[in-house]
């Protein structure tokens, strides 16, 4: 055990010396080793949920009339992605995509910096629990910048939510991230988000209510430092989504995310 611990430390120190300039390796050696030894490391869950949940009996007409242009909703059992989930285990993804390059983005509101690494390198060395004091601008995160040529065969197995807003087309954003990671508040067009493995907590504000946040701080630091000081009237809509649930967010709604576990997730943007 001591020998294995030493080998991991040397490996991490070696990788640390090769990391891209201006991107910090944002957790302690101890937390990185614990994560490498335990894939399921996660944060406790806040049961409070203020986003309405509906089941698969929700009709398309109800979706358009009640949610599409006005408020978020979580829909349970809308699709069956058990086949896609089986293809997204750590072992299957490393076997199929381990040597391929993926593009990582900094986990701040504007995702300014992009870095290309091998997928295996990301999973084994960068995919780790987030430290509260790490900046989002110093954290590398795999989401959004997917190579649809190389990953296309995987996305073909995904069953997207069947509801669509007239005049829009679908675009996928696939991601994998460690517990405590996430993206601080930002907004874009409407879409759906689904967790394949893990749990993801969402915080949402309507377009007319800009949240108080630092675009370079993480969602975790916002949750620990700013959220407790908010009056009830200033708190966001919030909920944790689990596998088998799909969250819909309308156009221009502010939202921040926090992965409570090492999570595999996919979003369907309607542009």
Protein backbone atom coordinates (compact mmCIF):
# COMPACT_ATOMS: atom_id res chain seq x y z
CA UNK A 1 0.00 0.00 0.00
CA UNK A 2 2.81 2.44 0.90
CA UNK A 3 4.61 1.63 -2.36
CA UNK A 4 1.42 2.18 -4.38
CA UNK A 5 0.82 5.48 -2.57
CA UNK A 6 4.35 6.59 -3.45
CA UNK A 7 3.95 5.65 -7.09
CA UNK A 8 0.72 7.66 -7.33
CA UNK A 9 2.38 10.68 -5.70
CA UNK A 10 5.29 10.52 -8.18
CA UNK A 11 2.87 10.17 -11.08
CA UNK A 12 0.88 13.17 -9.92
CA UNK A 13 4.00 15.26 -9.41
CA UNK A 14 5.17 14.31 -12.91
CA UNK A 15 1.85 15.32 -14.41
CA UNK A 16 1.83 18.52 -12.34
CA UNK A 17 5.10 19.52 -14.02
CA UNK A 18 3.50 19.03 -17.46
CA UNK A 19 0.24 20.88 -16.86
CA UNK A 20 -0.62 23.84 -19.13
CA UNK A 21 0.69 27.26 -18.08
CA UNK A 22 -1.74 29.32 -15.94
CA UNK A 23 -3.99 26.36 -15.13
CA UNK A 24 -3.62 25.19 -11.55
CA UNK A 25 -3.93 21.62 -10.32
CA UNK A 26 -6.72 22.57 -7.92
CA UNK A 27 -6.78 20.02 -5.12
CA UNK A 28 -4.40 18.66 -2.54
CA UNK A 29 -2.29 15.56 -3.27
CA UNK A 30 -4.27 13.75 -0.57
CA UNK A 31 -7.65 14.48 -2.14
CA UNK A 32 -6.38 13.44 -5.59
CA UNK A 33 -5.12 10.11 -4.21
CA UNK A 34 -8.39 9.48 -2.37
CA UNK A 35 -10.30 10.13 -5.58
CA UNK A 36 -8.08 7.80 -7.61
CA UNK A 37 -8.79 5.09 -5.03
CA UNK A 38 -12.54 5.79 -4.84
CA UNK A 39 -14.57 6.64 -7.96
CA UNK A 40 -17.74 7.31 -5.98
CA UNK A 41 -16.51 10.18 -3.76
CA UNK A 42 -19.36 12.69 -3.50
CA UNK A 43 -20.98 15.58 -1.63
CA UNK A 44 -24.03 15.28 0.58
CA UNK A 45 -27.33 16.16 -1.05
CA UNK A 46 -29.62 19.01 -0.14
CA UNK A 47 -33.17 17.62 -0.36
CA UNK A 48 -34.74 21.06 -0.84
CA UNK A 49 -36.31 21.27 -4.32
CA UNK A 50 -38.27 24.21 -5.72
CA UNK A 51 -38.42 23.08 -9.36
CA UNK A 52 -41.65 21.33 -10.29
CA UNK A 53 -41.36 17.62 -11.07
CA UNK A 54 -43.62 15.93 -13.63
CA UNK A 55 -43.74 12.34 -14.81
CA UNK A 56 -43.75 10.94 -18.33
CA UNK A 57 -47.50 11.53 -18.65
CA UNK A 58 -46.71 15.18 -19.39
CA UNK A 59 -47.94 15.86 -22.92
CA UNK A 60 -46.19 17.94 -25.54
CA UNK A 61 -49.08 20.43 -25.50
CA UNK A 62 -48.76 20.81 -21.71
CA UNK A 63 -45.00 21.26 -22.03
CA UNK A 64 -45.39 24.06 -24.58
CA UNK A 65 -48.21 25.80 -22.70
CA UNK A 66 -46.87 25.54 -19.15
CA UNK A 67 -43.05 25.41 -19.35
CA UNK A 68 -41.37 25.94 -22.72
CA UNK A 69 -41.33 29.75 -22.54
CA UNK A 70 -41.89 30.40 -18.85
CA UNK A 71 -40.25 28.15 -16.23
CA UNK A 72 -38.02 25.12 -15.65
CA UNK A 73 -39.40 21.65 -15.07
CA UNK A 74 -37.96 18.24 -14.21
CA UNK A 75 -39.50 15.35 -16.10
CA UNK A 76 -39.09 11.82 -14.75
CA UNK A 77 -39.00 8.75 -17.00
CA UNK A 78 -39.31 10.76 -20.21
CA UNK A 79 -36.69 8.64 -22.02
CA UNK A 80 -34.98 5.29 -21.53
CA UNK A 81 -31.21 5.71 -21.80
CA UNK A 82 -30.15 2.44 -20.19
CA UNK A 83 -28.22 1.44 -23.34
CA UNK A 84 -26.45 4.81 -23.46
CA UNK A 85 -25.66 4.53 -19.75
CA UNK A 86 -24.05 1.12 -20.29
CA UNK A 87 -21.76 2.71 -22.89
CA UNK A 88 -20.78 5.52 -20.48
CA UNK A 89 -19.16 3.50 -17.72
CA UNK A 90 -15.61 4.52 -16.89
CA UNK A 91 -14.25 1.25 -18.30
CA UNK A 92 -16.17 1.45 -21.60
CA UNK A 93 -15.30 5.09 -22.23
CA UNK A 94 -11.60 4.54 -21.51
CA UNK A 95 -11.54 1.48 -23.75
CA UNK A 96 -13.16 3.31 -26.66
CA UNK A 97 -11.89 6.88 -26.27
CA UNK A 98 -8.92 6.71 -23.89
CA UNK A 99 -6.27 7.73 -26.44
CA UNK A 100 -8.35 10.35 -28.20
CA UNK A 101 -7.93 14.05 -27.60
CA UNK A 102 -10.66 15.98 -25.81
CA UNK A 103 -10.91 19.73 -25.35
CA UNK A 104 -11.21 21.00 -21.79
CA UNK A 105 -12.57 24.41 -20.83
CA UNK A 106 -12.02 26.45 -17.70
CA UNK A 107 -15.02 26.13 -15.39
CA UNK A 108 -15.82 29.82 -15.11
CA UNK A 109 -18.75 31.73 -16.59
CA UNK A 110 -16.99 32.59 -19.85
CA UNK A 111 -14.80 29.47 -20.30
CA UNK A 112 -12.00 31.55 -21.81
CA UNK A 113 -9.20 28.98 -21.80
CA UNK A 114 -9.23 25.76 -23.84
CA UNK A 115 -6.75 22.89 -23.43
CA UNK A 116 -6.48 19.65 -25.40
CA UNK A 117 -5.52 16.46 -23.51
CA UNK A 118 -5.95 12.75 -24.03
CA UNK A 119 -9.23 11.51 -22.56
CA UNK A 120 -7.40 8.95 -20.39
CA UNK A 121 -5.21 11.73 -18.97
CA UNK A 122 -8.30 13.74 -18.04
CA UNK A 123 -10.09 10.80 -16.39
CA UNK A 124 -7.11 9.45 -14.47
CA UNK A 125 -5.35 12.68 -13.49
CA UNK A 126 -7.62 15.73 -13.80
CA UNK A 127 -11.07 14.35 -12.98
CA UNK A 128 -11.13 14.86 -9.23
CA UNK A 129 -13.11 16.40 -6.36
CA UNK A 130 -13.11 20.20 -6.28
CA UNK A 131 -11.50 22.20 -3.49
CA UNK A 132 -13.68 25.08 -2.27
CA UNK A 133 -10.88 27.64 -2.57
CA UNK A 134 -10.02 26.78 -6.19
CA UNK A 135 -11.07 29.35 -8.80
CA UNK A 136 -13.28 28.31 -11.69
CA UNK A 137 -10.82 30.04 -14.02
CA UNK A 138 -8.15 27.60 -12.75
CA UNK A 139 -10.26 24.45 -13.11
CA UNK A 140 -10.30 22.34 -16.29
CA UNK A 141 -13.65 20.79 -17.11
CA UNK A 142 -14.77 18.44 -19.93
CA UNK A 143 -18.07 19.62 -21.37
CA UNK A 144 -19.42 21.15 -24.52
CA UNK A 145 -16.46 21.04 -26.91
CA UNK A 146 -17.15 17.56 -28.26
CA UNK A 147 -15.71 16.13 -31.47
CA UNK A 148 -18.87 14.86 -33.13
CA UNK A 149 -16.89 12.87 -35.68
CA UNK A 150 -15.07 10.76 -33.08
CA UNK A 151 -17.88 10.71 -30.50
CA UNK A 152 -20.71 10.42 -33.01
CA UNK A 153 -21.21 6.67 -32.56
CA UNK A 154 -21.80 7.24 -28.83
CA UNK A 155 -24.24 10.11 -29.32
CA UNK A 156 -26.23 8.01 -31.79
CA UNK A 157 -27.20 5.78 -28.86
CA UNK A 158 -28.59 8.66 -26.82
CA UNK A 159 -32.37 9.08 -26.72
CA UNK A 160 -32.94 12.83 -26.56
CA UNK A 161 -36.07 14.26 -24.95
CA UNK A 162 -38.85 14.11 -27.56
CA UNK A 163 -40.11 17.64 -26.87
CA UNK A 164 -38.85 20.39 -29.13
CA UNK A 165 -39.55 24.09 -29.44
CA UNK A 166 -40.81 25.05 -32.91
CA UNK A 167 -38.11 26.54 -35.12
CA UNK A 168 -35.18 25.06 -33.18
CA UNK A 169 -32.75 22.22 -33.83
CA UNK A 170 -30.90 19.97 -31.37
CA UNK A 171 -27.20 20.07 -30.45
CA UNK A 172 -25.57 17.85 -27.82
CA UNK A 173 -23.07 18.76 -25.13
CA UNK A 174 -21.51 15.77 -23.33
CA UNK A 175 -19.47 16.05 -20.16
CA UNK A 176 -17.77 14.26 -17.28
CA UNK A 177 -16.73 16.02 -14.07
CA UNK A 178 -15.67 15.36 -10.49
CA UNK A 179 -17.68 16.03 -7.34
CA UNK A 180 -17.77 19.67 -6.28
CA UNK A 181 -17.18 20.90 -9.84
CA UNK A 182 -19.67 22.82 -11.92
CA UNK A 183 -20.17 25.98 -13.92
CA UNK A 184 -21.07 29.29 -12.21
CA UNK A 185 -24.05 31.35 -13.31
CA UNK A 186 -24.45 31.92 -17.03
CA UNK A 187 -27.26 31.88 -19.58
CA UNK A 188 -27.90 30.79 -23.16
CA UNK A 189 -30.73 29.35 -25.21
CA UNK A 190 -33.24 26.74 -23.99
CA UNK A 191 -32.44 23.09 -23.54
CA UNK A 192 -32.60 19.87 -21.58
CA UNK A 193 -30.01 18.38 -19.23
CA UNK A 194 -29.78 14.74 -18.15
CA UNK A 195 -27.44 13.02 -15.69
CA UNK A 196 -26.32 9.56 -16.86
CA UNK A 197 -24.26 8.78 -13.74
CA UNK A 198 -24.08 10.77 -10.51
CA UNK A 199 -26.13 13.72 -9.26
CA UNK A 200 -26.15 17.35 -10.42
CA UNK A 201 -27.61 20.23 -8.43
CA UNK A 202 -29.09 23.15 -10.35
CA UNK A 203 -29.66 26.77 -9.30
CA UNK A 204 -31.83 28.88 -11.64
CA UNK A 205 -32.98 32.51 -11.87
CA UNK A 206 -35.37 34.03 -14.45
CA UNK A 207 -33.84 36.38 -17.06
CA UNK A 208 -34.95 39.53 -15.26
CA UNK A 209 -33.25 38.57 -11.98
CA UNK A 210 -29.45 38.65 -12.32
CA UNK A 211 -27.82 36.65 -9.50
CA UNK A 212 -25.02 37.97 -7.33
CA UNK A 213 -21.88 36.00 -8.22
CA UNK A 214 -18.23 36.24 -9.23
CA UNK A 215 -17.78 34.76 -12.73
CA UNK A 216 -14.34 33.37 -11.83
CA UNK A 217 -15.40 31.71 -8.56
CA UNK A 218 -16.83 28.21 -8.51
CA UNK A 219 -20.42 27.23 -7.82
CA UNK A 220 -19.16 25.42 -4.72
CA UNK A 221 -17.64 28.59 -3.27
CA UNK A 222 -20.83 30.54 -4.14
CA UNK A 223 -22.92 27.90 -2.36
CA UNK A 224 -20.73 28.03 0.76
CA UNK A 225 -20.18 31.80 0.92
CA UNK A 226 -23.00 33.69 -0.83
CA UNK A 227 -26.01 31.37 -0.76
CA UNK A 228 -26.36 31.28 3.08
CA UNK A 229 -26.62 35.10 3.15
CA UNK A 230 -29.47 35.30 0.64
CA UNK A 231 -32.95 36.25 1.82
CA UNK A 232 -35.64 33.74 0.92
CA UNK A 233 -37.00 36.11 -1.71
CA UNK A 234 -33.56 36.27 -3.37
CA UNK A 235 -32.90 32.54 -3.49
CA UNK A 236 -32.94 30.70 -6.82
CA UNK A 237 -35.10 27.86 -7.95
CA UNK A 238 -33.05 24.78 -7.15
CA UNK A 239 -33.11 21.01 -7.27
CA UNK A 240 -30.89 17.95 -7.68
CA UNK A 241 -31.42 15.77 -10.74
CA UNK A 242 -30.65 12.05 -10.78
CA UNK A 243 -30.33 9.45 -13.55
CA UNK A 244 -33.70 8.94 -15.21
CA UNK A 245 -34.66 12.62 -14.85
CA UNK A 246 -34.43 15.42 -17.42
CA UNK A 247 -34.37 19.10 -16.48
CA UNK A 248 -35.68 21.66 -18.95
CA UNK A 249 -34.43 25.26 -18.73
CA UNK A 250 -36.07 28.04 -20.80
CA UNK A 251 -34.31 30.62 -22.95
CA UNK A 252 -32.04 33.13 -21.15
CA UNK A 253 -32.59 31.67 -17.69
CA UNK A 254 -29.55 32.12 -15.45
CA UNK A 255 -28.28 28.81 -14.11
CA UNK A 256 -25.35 27.38 -12.18
CA UNK A 257 -24.55 23.71 -11.70
CA UNK A 258 -22.82 21.66 -9.03
CA UNK A 259 -21.87 18.00 -9.50
CA UNK A 260 -22.48 16.20 -6.21
CA UNK A 261 -20.69 13.07 -7.45
CA UNK A 262 -18.31 12.23 -10.24
CA UNK A 263 -20.93 12.69 -12.93
CA UNK A 264 -21.52 11.85 -16.58
CA UNK A 265 -24.09 14.15 -18.16
CA UNK A 266 -25.45 15.33 -21.48
CA UNK A 267 -27.37 18.43 -22.49
CA UNK A 268 -29.58 18.92 -25.52
CA UNK A 269 -29.52 22.55 -26.59
CA UNK A 270 -32.38 23.87 -28.69
CA UNK A 271 -30.93 26.52 -30.98
